[in-house]
Amino acid sequence: MIKSAPLEKIMIETDAPFVAPAPFRGKRNEPFYIKYVAEKIAELRGISYEEVVAQTAKNAEKLFGI
């Protein structure tokens, strides 16, 4: 799904307290781990981490009006 969804429609979050990214699987999820989610999105889409971070930040700003 992450490969086909427009990047402009993707939000990244860490609300699932017990579904941490792979390097931390089995531990409590923390907001700090969001970078691992962005890295995986970049890898799967074949784009840079920086591009994912920039676009998802814009998406959050637009959604929350900040």
PDB file of N, CA and C in Angstrom:
ATOM      1  N   MET A   1       0.815  -1.181   0.000  1.00  0.00           N
ATOM      2  CA  MET A   1       0.000   0.000   0.000  1.00  0.00           C
ATOM      3  C   MET A   1       0.866   1.256   0.000  1.00  0.00           C
ATOM      4  N   ILE A   2       1.948   1.223   0.759  1.00  0.00           N
ATOM      5  CA  ILE A   2       2.785   2.420   0.896  1.00  0.00           C
ATOM      6  C   ILE A   2       3.431   2.806  -0.432  1.00  0.00           C
ATOM      7  N   LYS A   3       3.603   1.851  -1.325  1.00  0.00           N
ATOM      8  CA  LYS A   3       4.188   2.158  -2.633  1.00  0.00           C
ATOM      9  C   LYS A   3       3.195   2.850  -3.556  1.00  0.00           C
ATOM     10  N   SER A   4       1.913   2.560  -3.399  1.00  0.00           N
ATOM     11  CA  SER A   4       0.937   3.102  -4.338  1.00  0.00           C
ATOM     12  C   SER A   4       0.211   4.354  -3.849  1.00  0.00           C
ATOM     13  N   ALA A   5       0.190   4.591  -2.558  1.00  0.00           N
ATOM     14  CA  ALA A   5      -0.490   5.782  -2.031  1.00  0.00           C
ATOM     15  C   ALA A   5       0.318   7.024  -2.374  1.00  0.00           C
ATOM     16  N   PRO A   6      -0.344   8.108  -2.770  1.00  0.00           N
ATOM     17  CA  PRO A   6       0.388   9.348  -3.043  1.00  0.00           C
ATOM     18  C   PRO A   6       1.090   9.837  -1.771  1.00  0.00           C
ATOM     19  N   LEU A   7       2.331  10.236  -1.894  1.00  0.00           N
ATOM     20  CA  LEU A   7       3.089  10.703  -0.737  1.00  0.00           C
ATOM     21  C   LEU A   7       2.393  11.889  -0.065  1.00  0.00           C
ATOM     22  N   GLU A   8       1.666  12.662  -0.853  1.00  0.00           N
ATOM     23  CA  GLU A   8       0.951  13.827  -0.337  1.00  0.00           C
ATOM     24  C   GLU A   8      -0.228  13.439   0.555  1.00  0.00           C
ATOM     25  N   LYS A   9      -0.538  12.152   0.625  1.00  0.00           N
ATOM     26  CA  LYS A   9      -1.660  11.661   1.436  1.00  0.00           C
ATOM     27  C   LYS A   9      -1.205  10.801   2.616  1.00  0.00           C
ATOM     28  N   ILE A  10       0.096  10.689   2.815  1.00  0.00           N
ATOM     29  CA  ILE A  10       0.627   9.809   3.859  1.00  0.00           C
ATOM     30  C   ILE A  10       0.950  10.605   5.122  1.00  0.00           C
ATOM     31  N   MET A  11       0.503  10.057   6.254  1.00  0.00           N
ATOM     32  CA  MET A  11       0.857  10.594   7.563  1.00  0.00           C
ATOM     33  C   MET A  11       1.652   9.508   8.287  1.00  0.00           C
ATOM     34  N   ILE A  12       2.579   9.917   9.115  1.00  0.00           N
ATOM     35  CA  ILE A  12       3.377   8.974   9.898  1.00  0.00           C
ATOM     36  C   ILE A  12       3.075   9.227  11.367  1.00  0.00           C
ATOM     37  N   GLU A  13       2.860   8.141  12.113  1.00  0.00           N
ATOM     38  CA  GLU A  13       2.554   8.286  13.537  1.00  0.00           C
ATOM     39  C   GLU A  13       3.115   7.119  14.338  1.00  0.00           C
ATOM     40  N   THR A  14       3.100   7.273  15.649  1.00  0.00           N
ATOM     41  CA  THR A  14       3.588   6.215  16.536  1.00  0.00           C
ATOM     42  C   THR A  14       2.573   5.938  17.639  1.00  0.00           C
ATOM     43  N   ASP A  15       1.292   6.003  17.320  1.00  0.00           N
ATOM     44  CA  ASP A  15       0.257   5.814  18.330  1.00  0.00           C
ATOM     45  C   ASP A  15       0.092   4.383  18.810  1.00  0.00           C
ATOM     46  N   ALA A  16       0.522   3.416  18.047  1.00  0.00           N
ATOM     47  CA  ALA A  16       0.361   2.022  18.452  1.00  0.00           C
ATOM     48  C   ALA A  16       1.434   1.699  19.497  1.00  0.00           C
ATOM     49  N   PRO A  17       1.087   1.709  20.780  1.00  0.00           N
ATOM     50  CA  PRO A  17       2.118   1.605  21.818  1.00  0.00           C
ATOM     51  C   PRO A  17       2.895   0.297  21.839  1.00  0.00           C
ATOM     52  N   PHE A  18       2.351  -0.761  21.254  1.00  0.00           N
ATOM     53  CA  PHE A  18       3.042  -2.045  21.319  1.00  0.00           C
ATOM     54  C   PHE A  18       3.390  -2.597  19.941  1.00  0.00           C
ATOM     55  N   VAL A  19       3.443  -1.713  18.935  1.00  0.00           N
ATOM     56  CA  VAL A  19       3.835  -2.126  17.584  1.00  0.00           C
ATOM     57  C   VAL A  19       4.984  -1.221  17.137  1.00  0.00           C
ATOM     58  N   ALA A  20       6.116  -1.379  17.780  1.00  0.00           N
ATOM     59  CA  ALA A  20       7.289  -0.581  17.464  1.00  0.00           C
ATOM     60  C   ALA A  20       7.916  -1.053  16.149  1.00  0.00           C
ATOM     61  N   PRO A  21       8.680  -0.168  15.466  1.00  0.00           N
ATOM     62  CA  PRO A  21       9.365  -0.571  14.240  1.00  0.00           C
ATOM     63  C   PRO A  21      10.340  -1.723  14.491  1.00  0.00           C
ATOM     64  N   ALA A  22      10.709  -2.406  13.435  1.00  0.00           N
ATOM     65  CA  ALA A  22      11.523  -3.629  13.495  1.00  0.00           C
ATOM     66  C   ALA A  22      12.717  -3.568  14.456  1.00  0.00           C
ATOM     67  N   PRO A  23      13.529  -2.526  14.459  1.00  0.00           N
ATOM     68  CA  PRO A  23      14.681  -2.593  15.369  1.00  0.00           C
ATOM     69  C   PRO A  23      14.286  -2.630  16.854  1.00  0.00           C
ATOM     70  N   PHE A  24      13.045  -2.264  17.151  1.00  0.00           N
ATOM     71  CA  PHE A  24      12.590  -2.174  18.540  1.00  0.00           C
ATOM     72  C   PHE A  24      11.382  -3.059  18.810  1.00  0.00           C
ATOM     73  N   ARG A  25      11.108  -3.999  17.913  1.00  0.00           N
ATOM     74  CA  ARG A  25       9.944  -4.880  18.038  1.00  0.00           C
ATOM     75  C   ARG A  25       9.950  -5.545  19.418  1.00  0.00           C
ATOM     76  N   GLY A  26       8.782  -5.553  20.043  1.00  0.00           N
ATOM     77  CA  GLY A  26       8.658  -6.145  21.360  1.00  0.00           C
ATOM     78  C   GLY A  26       8.808  -5.144  22.492  1.00  0.00           C
ATOM     79  N   LYS A  27       9.248  -3.931  22.162  1.00  0.00           N
ATOM     80  CA  LYS A  27       9.368  -2.869  23.157  1.00  0.00           C
ATOM     81  C   LYS A  27       8.232  -1.874  22.956  1.00  0.00           C
ATOM     82  N   ARG A  28       8.024  -1.030  23.929  1.00  0.00           N
ATOM     83  CA  ARG A  28       7.003   0.015  23.827  1.00  0.00           C
ATOM     84  C   ARG A  28       7.388   0.993  22.718  1.00  0.00           C
ATOM     85  N   ASN A  29       6.431   1.356  21.894  1.00  0.00           N
ATOM     86  CA  ASN A  29       6.669   2.300  20.813  1.00  0.00           C
ATOM     87  C   ASN A  29       6.857   3.703  21.393  1.00  0.00           C
ATOM     88  N   GLU A  30       7.753   4.462  20.831  1.00  0.00           N
ATOM     89  CA  GLU A  30       8.059   5.819  21.277  1.00  0.00           C
ATOM     90  C   GLU A  30       8.064   6.759  20.081  1.00  0.00           C
ATOM     91  N   PRO A  31       7.714   8.044  20.269  1.00  0.00           N
ATOM     92  CA  PRO A  31       7.728   9.001  19.160  1.00  0.00           C
ATOM     93  C   PRO A  31       9.084   9.091  18.446  1.00  0.00           C
ATOM     94  N   PHE A  32      10.159   8.881  19.177  1.00  0.00           N
ATOM     95  CA  PHE A  32      11.495   8.913  18.586  1.00  0.00           C
ATOM     96  C   PHE A  32      11.635   7.925  17.431  1.00  0.00           C
ATOM     97  N   TYR A  33      10.891   6.837  17.462  1.00  0.00           N
ATOM     98  CA  TYR A  33      11.011   5.788  16.456  1.00  0.00           C
ATOM     99  C   TYR A  33      10.408   6.165  15.107  1.00  0.00           C
ATOM    100  N   ILE A  34       9.770   7.307  15.031  1.00  0.00           N
ATOM    101  CA  ILE A  34       9.123   7.711  13.779  1.00  0.00           C
ATOM    102  C   ILE A  34      10.125   7.783  12.630  1.00  0.00           C
ATOM    103  N   LYS A  35      11.376   8.065  12.948  1.00  0.00           N
ATOM    104  CA  LYS A  35      12.397   8.129  11.893  1.00  0.00           C
ATOM    105  C   LYS A  35      12.555   6.782  11.198  1.00  0.00           C
ATOM    106  N   TYR A  36      12.369   5.692  11.917  1.00  0.00           N
ATOM    107  CA  TYR A  36      12.488   4.369  11.314  1.00  0.00           C
ATOM    108  C   TYR A  36      11.334   4.089  10.352  1.00  0.00           C
ATOM    109  N   VAL A  37      10.186   4.619  10.679  1.00  0.00           N
ATOM    110  CA  VAL A  37       9.032   4.484   9.781  1.00  0.00           C
ATOM    111  C   VAL A  37       9.308   5.268   8.496  1.00  0.00           C
ATOM    112  N   ALA A  38       9.806   6.501   8.635  1.00  0.00           N
ATOM    113  CA  ALA A  38      10.128   7.319   7.462  1.00  0.00           C
ATOM    114  C   ALA A  38      11.228   6.672   6.621  1.00  0.00           C
ATOM    115  N   GLU A  39      12.220   6.100   7.258  1.00  0.00           N
ATOM    116  CA  GLU A  39      13.292   5.415   6.515  1.00  0.00           C
ATOM    117  C   GLU A  39      12.738   4.234   5.716  1.00  0.00           C
ATOM    118  N   LYS A  40      11.826   3.486   6.312  1.00  0.00           N
ATOM    119  CA  LYS A  40      11.252   2.332   5.610  1.00  0.00           C
ATOM    120  C   LYS A  40      10.393   2.784   4.439  1.00  0.00           C
ATOM    121  N   ILE A  41       9.630   3.856   4.618  1.00  0.00           N
ATOM    122  CA  ILE A  41       8.831   4.400   3.512  1.00  0.00           C
ATOM    123  C   ILE A  41       9.752   4.811   2.373  1.00  0.00           C
ATOM    124  N   ALA A  42      10.832   5.507   2.693  1.00  0.00           N
ATOM    125  CA  ALA A  42      11.787   5.943   1.668  1.00  0.00           C
ATOM    126  C   ALA A  42      12.372   4.739   0.930  1.00  0.00           C
ATOM    127  N   GLU A  43      12.744   3.713   1.675  1.00  0.00           N
ATOM    128  CA  GLU A  43      13.309   2.504   1.068  1.00  0.00           C
ATOM    129  C   GLU A  43      12.304   1.842   0.126  1.00  0.00           C
ATOM    130  N   LEU A  44      11.081   1.658   0.591  1.00  0.00           N
ATOM    131  CA  LEU A  44      10.064   0.984  -0.221  1.00  0.00           C
ATOM    132  C   LEU A  44       9.696   1.774  -1.478  1.00  0.00           C
ATOM    133  N   ARG A  45       9.730   3.093  -1.381  1.00  0.00           N
ATOM    134  CA  ARG A  45       9.343   3.936  -2.513  1.00  0.00           C
ATOM    135  C   ARG A  45      10.523   4.297  -3.418  1.00  0.00           C
ATOM    136  N   GLY A  46      11.739   4.025  -2.956  1.00  0.00           N
ATOM    137  CA  GLY A  46      12.923   4.356  -3.747  1.00  0.00           C
ATOM    138  C   GLY A  46      13.184   5.849  -3.805  1.00  0.00           C
ATOM    139  N   ILE A  47      12.896   6.536  -2.702  1.00  0.00           N
ATOM    140  CA  ILE A  47      13.136   7.976  -2.622  1.00  0.00           C
ATOM    141  C   ILE A  47      13.969   8.264  -1.382  1.00  0.00           C
ATOM    142  N   SER A  48      14.384   9.512  -1.224  1.00  0.00           N
ATOM    143  CA  SER A  48      15.226   9.841  -0.085  1.00  0.00           C
ATOM    144  C   SER A  48      14.408   9.985   1.206  1.00  0.00           C
ATOM    145  N   TYR A  49      15.077   9.710   2.291  1.00  0.00           N
ATOM    146  CA  TYR A  49      14.499   9.904   3.623  1.00  0.00           C
ATOM    147  C   TYR A  49      14.060  11.358   3.786  1.00  0.00           C
ATOM    148  N   GLU A  50      14.902  12.274   3.327  1.00  0.00           N
ATOM    149  CA  GLU A  50      14.612  13.704   3.444  1.00  0.00           C
ATOM    150  C   GLU A  50      13.329  14.089   2.707  1.00  0.00           C
ATOM    151  N   GLU A  51      13.097  13.468   1.555  1.00  0.00           N
ATOM    152  CA  GLU A  51      11.874  13.740   0.803  1.00  0.00           C
ATOM    153  C   GLU A  51      10.639  13.266   1.575  1.00  0.00           C
ATOM    154  N   VAL A  52      10.736  12.108   2.179  1.00  0.00           N
ATOM    155  CA  VAL A  52       9.621  11.591   2.978  1.00  0.00           C
ATOM    156  C   VAL A  52       9.352  12.515   4.160  1.00  0.00           C
ATOM    157  N   VAL A  53      10.400  12.905   4.860  1.00  0.00           N
ATOM    158  CA  VAL A  53      10.250  13.776   6.029  1.00  0.00           C
ATOM    159  C   VAL A  53       9.637  15.111   5.628  1.00  0.00           C
ATOM    160  N   ALA A  54      10.141  15.719   4.568  1.00  0.00           N
ATOM    161  CA  ALA A  54       9.627  17.019   4.136  1.00  0.00           C
ATOM    162  C   ALA A  54       8.152  16.937   3.761  1.00  0.00           C
ATOM    163  N   GLN A  55       7.785  15.933   2.985  1.00  0.00           N
ATOM    164  CA  GLN A  55       6.399  15.849   2.527  1.00  0.00           C
ATOM    165  C   GLN A  55       5.446  15.482   3.655  1.00  0.00           C
ATOM    166  N   THR A  56       5.835  14.538   4.504  1.00  0.00           N
ATOM    167  CA  THR A  56       4.930  14.151   5.582  1.00  0.00           C
ATOM    168  C   THR A  56       4.784  15.274   6.608  1.00  0.00           C
ATOM    169  N   ALA A  57       5.811  16.087   6.778  1.00  0.00           N
ATOM    170  CA  ALA A  57       5.691  17.263   7.648  1.00  0.00           C
ATOM    171  C   ALA A  57       4.681  18.251   7.051  1.00  0.00           C
ATOM    172  N   LYS A  58       4.767  18.479   5.744  1.00  0.00           N
ATOM    173  CA  LYS A  58       3.785  19.350   5.071  1.00  0.00           C
ATOM    174  C   LYS A  58       2.374  18.783   5.223  1.00  0.00           C
ATOM    175  N   ASN A  59       2.245  17.462   5.101  1.00  0.00           N
ATOM    176  CA  ASN A  59       0.938  16.837   5.241  1.00  0.00           C
ATOM    177  C   ASN A  59       0.348  17.072   6.637  1.00  0.00           C
ATOM    178  N   ALA A  60       1.191  16.935   7.652  1.00  0.00           N
ATOM    179  CA  ALA A  60       0.741  17.149   9.033  1.00  0.00           C
ATOM    180  C   ALA A  60       0.366  18.618   9.251  1.00  0.00           C
ATOM    181  N   GLU A  61       1.161  19.517   8.718  1.00  0.00           N
ATOM    182  CA  GLU A  61       0.857  20.949   8.847  1.00  0.00           C
ATOM    183  C   GLU A  61      -0.476  21.279   8.207  1.00  0.00           C
ATOM    184  N   LYS A  62      -0.719  20.721   7.053  1.00  0.00           N
ATOM    185  CA  LYS A  62      -1.980  20.970   6.347  1.00  0.00           C
ATOM    186  C   LYS A  62      -3.172  20.367   7.125  1.00  0.00           C
ATOM    187  N   LEU A  63      -3.030  19.138   7.570  1.00  0.00           N
ATOM    188  CA  LEU A  63      -4.111  18.471   8.274  1.00  0.00           C
ATOM    189  C   LEU A  63      -4.456  19.184   9.588  1.00  0.00           C
ATOM    190  N   PHE A  64      -3.446  19.580  10.336  1.00  0.00           N
ATOM    191  CA  PHE A  64      -3.679  20.181  11.638  1.00  0.00           C
ATOM    192  C   PHE A  64      -3.730  21.714  11.613  1.00  0.00           C
ATOM    193  N   GLY A  65      -3.546  22.300  10.429  1.00  0.00           N
ATOM    194  CA  GLY A  65      -3.614  23.753  10.300  1.00  0.00           C
ATOM    195  C   GLY A  65      -2.525  24.474  11.052  1.00  0.00           C
ATOM    196  N   ILE A  66      -1.318  23.932  11.009  1.00  0.00           N
ATOM    197  CA  ILE A  66      -0.203  24.583  11.706  1.00  0.00           C
ATOM    198  C   ILE A  66       0.834  25.100  10.744  1.00  0.00           C
TER     199      ILE A  66
END
